[in-house]
N, C-alpha and C. Protein backbone atom coordinates (compact mmCIF):
# COMPACT_ATOMS: atom_id res chain seq x y z
N MET A 1 6.04 7.18 -14.54
CA MET A 1 5.92 6.56 -13.25
C MET A 1 6.01 5.05 -13.43
N ASN A 2 7.18 4.50 -13.18
CA ASN A 2 7.39 3.07 -13.29
C ASN A 2 6.97 2.37 -12.00
N LYS A 3 6.53 1.14 -12.13
CA LYS A 3 6.15 0.37 -10.96
C LYS A 3 7.40 0.02 -10.16
N ASN A 4 7.30 0.13 -8.85
CA ASN A 4 8.44 -0.22 -8.00
C ASN A 4 8.05 -1.16 -6.86
N GLU A 5 6.87 -1.76 -6.97
CA GLU A 5 6.42 -2.72 -5.97
C GLU A 5 6.20 -4.09 -6.61
N GLY A 6 6.68 -5.12 -5.93
CA GLY A 6 6.46 -6.48 -6.39
C GLY A 6 5.06 -6.96 -6.04
N ASN A 7 4.71 -8.12 -6.55
CA ASN A 7 3.37 -8.66 -6.33
C ASN A 7 3.05 -8.90 -4.86
N MET A 8 3.98 -9.50 -4.12
CA MET A 8 3.73 -9.78 -2.71
C MET A 8 3.60 -8.48 -1.93
N ASP A 9 4.42 -7.51 -2.23
CA ASP A 9 4.36 -6.20 -1.58
C ASP A 9 3.00 -5.55 -1.84
N ARG A 10 2.52 -5.64 -3.06
CA ARG A 10 1.23 -5.05 -3.41
C ARG A 10 0.08 -5.75 -2.70
N ILE A 11 0.13 -7.07 -2.62
CA ILE A 11 -0.92 -7.83 -1.94
C ILE A 11 -0.99 -7.45 -0.46
N ILE A 12 0.17 -7.37 0.17
CA ILE A 12 0.22 -7.02 1.59
C ILE A 12 -0.33 -5.62 1.82
N ARG A 13 0.02 -4.68 0.95
CA ARG A 13 -0.46 -3.31 1.08
C ARG A 13 -1.97 -3.23 0.92
N VAL A 14 -2.51 -3.92 -0.06
CA VAL A 14 -3.96 -3.87 -0.29
C VAL A 14 -4.71 -4.50 0.89
N VAL A 15 -4.25 -5.64 1.36
CA VAL A 15 -4.90 -6.30 2.50
C VAL A 15 -4.83 -5.41 3.74
N LEU A 16 -3.66 -4.84 4.01
CA LEU A 16 -3.51 -3.96 5.16
C LEU A 16 -4.42 -2.73 5.04
N GLY A 17 -4.49 -2.16 3.85
CA GLY A 17 -5.36 -1.01 3.63
C GLY A 17 -6.82 -1.33 3.85
N VAL A 18 -7.26 -2.47 3.34
CA VAL A 18 -8.65 -2.88 3.51
C VAL A 18 -8.97 -3.13 4.99
N VAL A 19 -8.07 -3.78 5.70
CA VAL A 19 -8.28 -4.06 7.13
C VAL A 19 -8.38 -2.76 7.92
N LEU A 20 -7.47 -1.83 7.67
CA LEU A 20 -7.50 -0.56 8.38
C LEU A 20 -8.77 0.24 8.08
N LEU A 21 -9.16 0.28 6.82
CA LEU A 21 -10.38 1.00 6.46
C LEU A 21 -11.63 0.34 7.03
N ALA A 22 -11.65 -0.98 7.06
CA ALA A 22 -12.78 -1.69 7.66
C ALA A 22 -12.88 -1.37 9.15
N TYR A 23 -11.74 -1.30 9.81
CA TYR A 23 -11.72 -0.93 11.23
C TYR A 23 -12.26 0.48 11.42
N ALA A 24 -11.86 1.40 10.56
CA ALA A 24 -12.31 2.80 10.67
C ALA A 24 -13.81 2.92 10.40
N ILE A 25 -14.31 2.13 9.46
CA ILE A 25 -15.73 2.22 9.09
C ILE A 25 -16.64 1.52 10.09
N PHE A 26 -16.26 0.32 10.52
CA PHE A 26 -17.14 -0.47 11.37
C PHE A 26 -16.94 -0.25 12.86
N MET A 27 -15.87 0.44 13.24
CA MET A 27 -15.61 0.74 14.65
C MET A 27 -15.33 2.24 14.82
N PRO A 28 -16.24 3.09 14.37
CA PRO A 28 -15.95 4.53 14.36
C PRO A 28 -15.80 5.15 15.75
N THR A 29 -16.32 4.50 16.78
CA THR A 29 -16.21 5.06 18.13
C THR A 29 -14.99 4.55 18.88
N ALA A 30 -14.23 3.68 18.26
CA ALA A 30 -13.01 3.18 18.90
C ALA A 30 -12.01 4.34 19.02
N PRO A 31 -11.19 4.32 20.07
CA PRO A 31 -10.30 5.45 20.31
C PRO A 31 -9.33 5.75 19.16
N LEU A 32 -8.85 4.77 18.46
CA LEU A 32 -7.87 4.99 17.41
C LEU A 32 -8.44 4.85 16.00
N ALA A 33 -9.75 4.85 15.88
CA ALA A 33 -10.38 4.66 14.57
C ALA A 33 -10.04 5.80 13.61
N VAL A 34 -9.82 6.98 14.12
CA VAL A 34 -9.47 8.11 13.26
C VAL A 34 -8.16 7.84 12.52
N PHE A 35 -7.22 7.22 13.20
CA PHE A 35 -5.94 6.93 12.58
C PHE A 35 -6.01 5.79 11.58
N ALA A 36 -7.06 5.00 11.62
CA ALA A 36 -7.21 3.87 10.70
C ALA A 36 -7.48 4.35 9.28
N TRP A 37 -7.91 5.60 9.11
CA TRP A 37 -8.13 6.14 7.76
C TRP A 37 -6.84 6.24 6.97
N ILE A 38 -5.71 6.11 7.64
CA ILE A 38 -4.42 6.09 6.95
C ILE A 38 -4.33 4.87 6.04
N GLY A 39 -5.25 3.92 6.20
CA GLY A 39 -5.30 2.73 5.35
C GLY A 39 -5.52 3.05 3.89
N ILE A 40 -5.96 4.27 3.60
CA ILE A 40 -6.12 4.68 2.20
C ILE A 40 -4.78 4.68 1.48
N VAL A 41 -3.73 5.06 2.18
CA VAL A 41 -2.40 5.16 1.55
C VAL A 41 -1.89 3.80 1.07
N PRO A 42 -1.81 2.76 1.92
CA PRO A 42 -1.33 1.48 1.40
C PRO A 42 -2.27 0.88 0.37
N LEU A 43 -3.58 1.15 0.49
CA LEU A 43 -4.53 0.62 -0.48
C LEU A 43 -4.27 1.22 -1.86
N VAL A 44 -4.09 2.51 -1.93
CA VAL A 44 -3.85 3.17 -3.22
C VAL A 44 -2.48 2.80 -3.79
N THR A 45 -1.45 2.83 -2.97
CA THR A 45 -0.11 2.50 -3.49
C THR A 45 -0.04 1.04 -3.93
N GLY A 46 -0.73 0.15 -3.22
CA GLY A 46 -0.76 -1.24 -3.64
C GLY A 46 -1.55 -1.44 -4.92
N ALA A 47 -2.59 -0.66 -5.09
CA ALA A 47 -3.42 -0.78 -6.30
C ALA A 47 -2.69 -0.29 -7.55
N ILE A 48 -1.94 0.80 -7.42
CA ILE A 48 -1.25 1.34 -8.60
C ILE A 48 0.15 0.77 -8.78
N GLY A 49 0.72 0.15 -7.73
CA GLY A 49 2.02 -0.49 -7.86
C GLY A 49 3.20 0.45 -7.77
N TRP A 50 2.97 1.65 -7.29
CA TRP A 50 4.05 2.63 -7.18
C TRP A 50 4.01 3.30 -5.82
N CYS A 51 5.14 3.35 -5.14
CA CYS A 51 5.24 3.97 -3.83
C CYS A 51 6.21 5.14 -3.90
N PRO A 52 5.76 6.34 -3.55
CA PRO A 52 6.64 7.50 -3.62
C PRO A 52 7.84 7.41 -2.68
N ILE A 53 7.67 6.80 -1.53
CA ILE A 53 8.79 6.63 -0.59
C ILE A 53 9.85 5.71 -1.19
N TYR A 54 9.41 4.64 -1.84
CA TYR A 54 10.36 3.74 -2.51
C TYR A 54 11.14 4.48 -3.59
N SER A 55 10.47 5.34 -4.34
CA SER A 55 11.16 6.05 -5.42
C SER A 55 12.17 7.05 -4.87
N ILE A 56 11.89 7.66 -3.73
CA ILE A 56 12.83 8.60 -3.12
C ILE A 56 14.11 7.88 -2.71
N PHE A 57 13.96 6.70 -2.13
CA PHE A 57 15.13 5.95 -1.65
C PHE A 57 15.68 4.96 -2.67
N GLY A 58 15.08 4.88 -3.84
CA GLY A 58 15.57 3.99 -4.89
C GLY A 58 15.32 2.52 -4.62
N ILE A 59 14.28 2.21 -3.90
CA ILE A 59 13.94 0.82 -3.57
C ILE A 59 12.99 0.27 -4.62
N LYS A 60 13.22 -0.98 -5.02
CA LYS A 60 12.31 -1.68 -5.93
C LYS A 60 12.14 -3.10 -5.43
N THR A 61 10.90 -3.50 -5.25
CA THR A 61 10.65 -4.89 -4.84
C THR A 61 10.09 -5.71 -6.00
N CYS A 62 9.96 -5.09 -7.15
CA CYS A 62 9.46 -5.83 -8.32
C CYS A 62 10.63 -6.46 -9.06
N LYS A 63 10.33 -7.52 -9.77
CA LYS A 63 11.35 -8.20 -10.56
C LYS A 63 11.69 -7.38 -11.78
N MET A 64 12.94 -7.32 -12.09
CA MET A 64 13.40 -6.57 -13.26
C MET A 64 13.25 -7.46 -14.50
N LYS A 65 12.76 -6.87 -15.59
CA LYS A 65 12.66 -7.61 -16.84
C LYS A 65 14.02 -7.59 -17.53
N THR A 66 14.43 -8.76 -17.99
CA THR A 66 15.72 -8.83 -18.68
C THR A 66 15.49 -8.66 -20.18
N PRO A 67 16.36 -7.87 -20.82
CA PRO A 67 16.20 -7.70 -22.28
C PRO A 67 16.53 -8.99 -23.01
N GLU A 68 15.81 -9.29 -24.04
CA GLU A 68 16.03 -10.54 -24.78
C GLU A 68 16.74 -10.27 -26.08
C-alpha cells in the first residue's frame, strides 16, 4: 500500500475529519449530526496517507521521488 496523498491533501482531510467529528459529538441533536460521523473516513485516510478511491482511479497527489 503506497502513499498516494500529498501533504496538503492529508492536512485538509485531517482538518475536515476533525471538524465533522466535532460537529457530530458536540451537536448530537442537530438534524444532520448523524451524517457528520462520515468524518471518520477523511480523518483515517489523511492519517495513513492512502485513499482507496485515488488508487482505483490512479490519482496521486504526492510528489514522486526521483531515482538518484
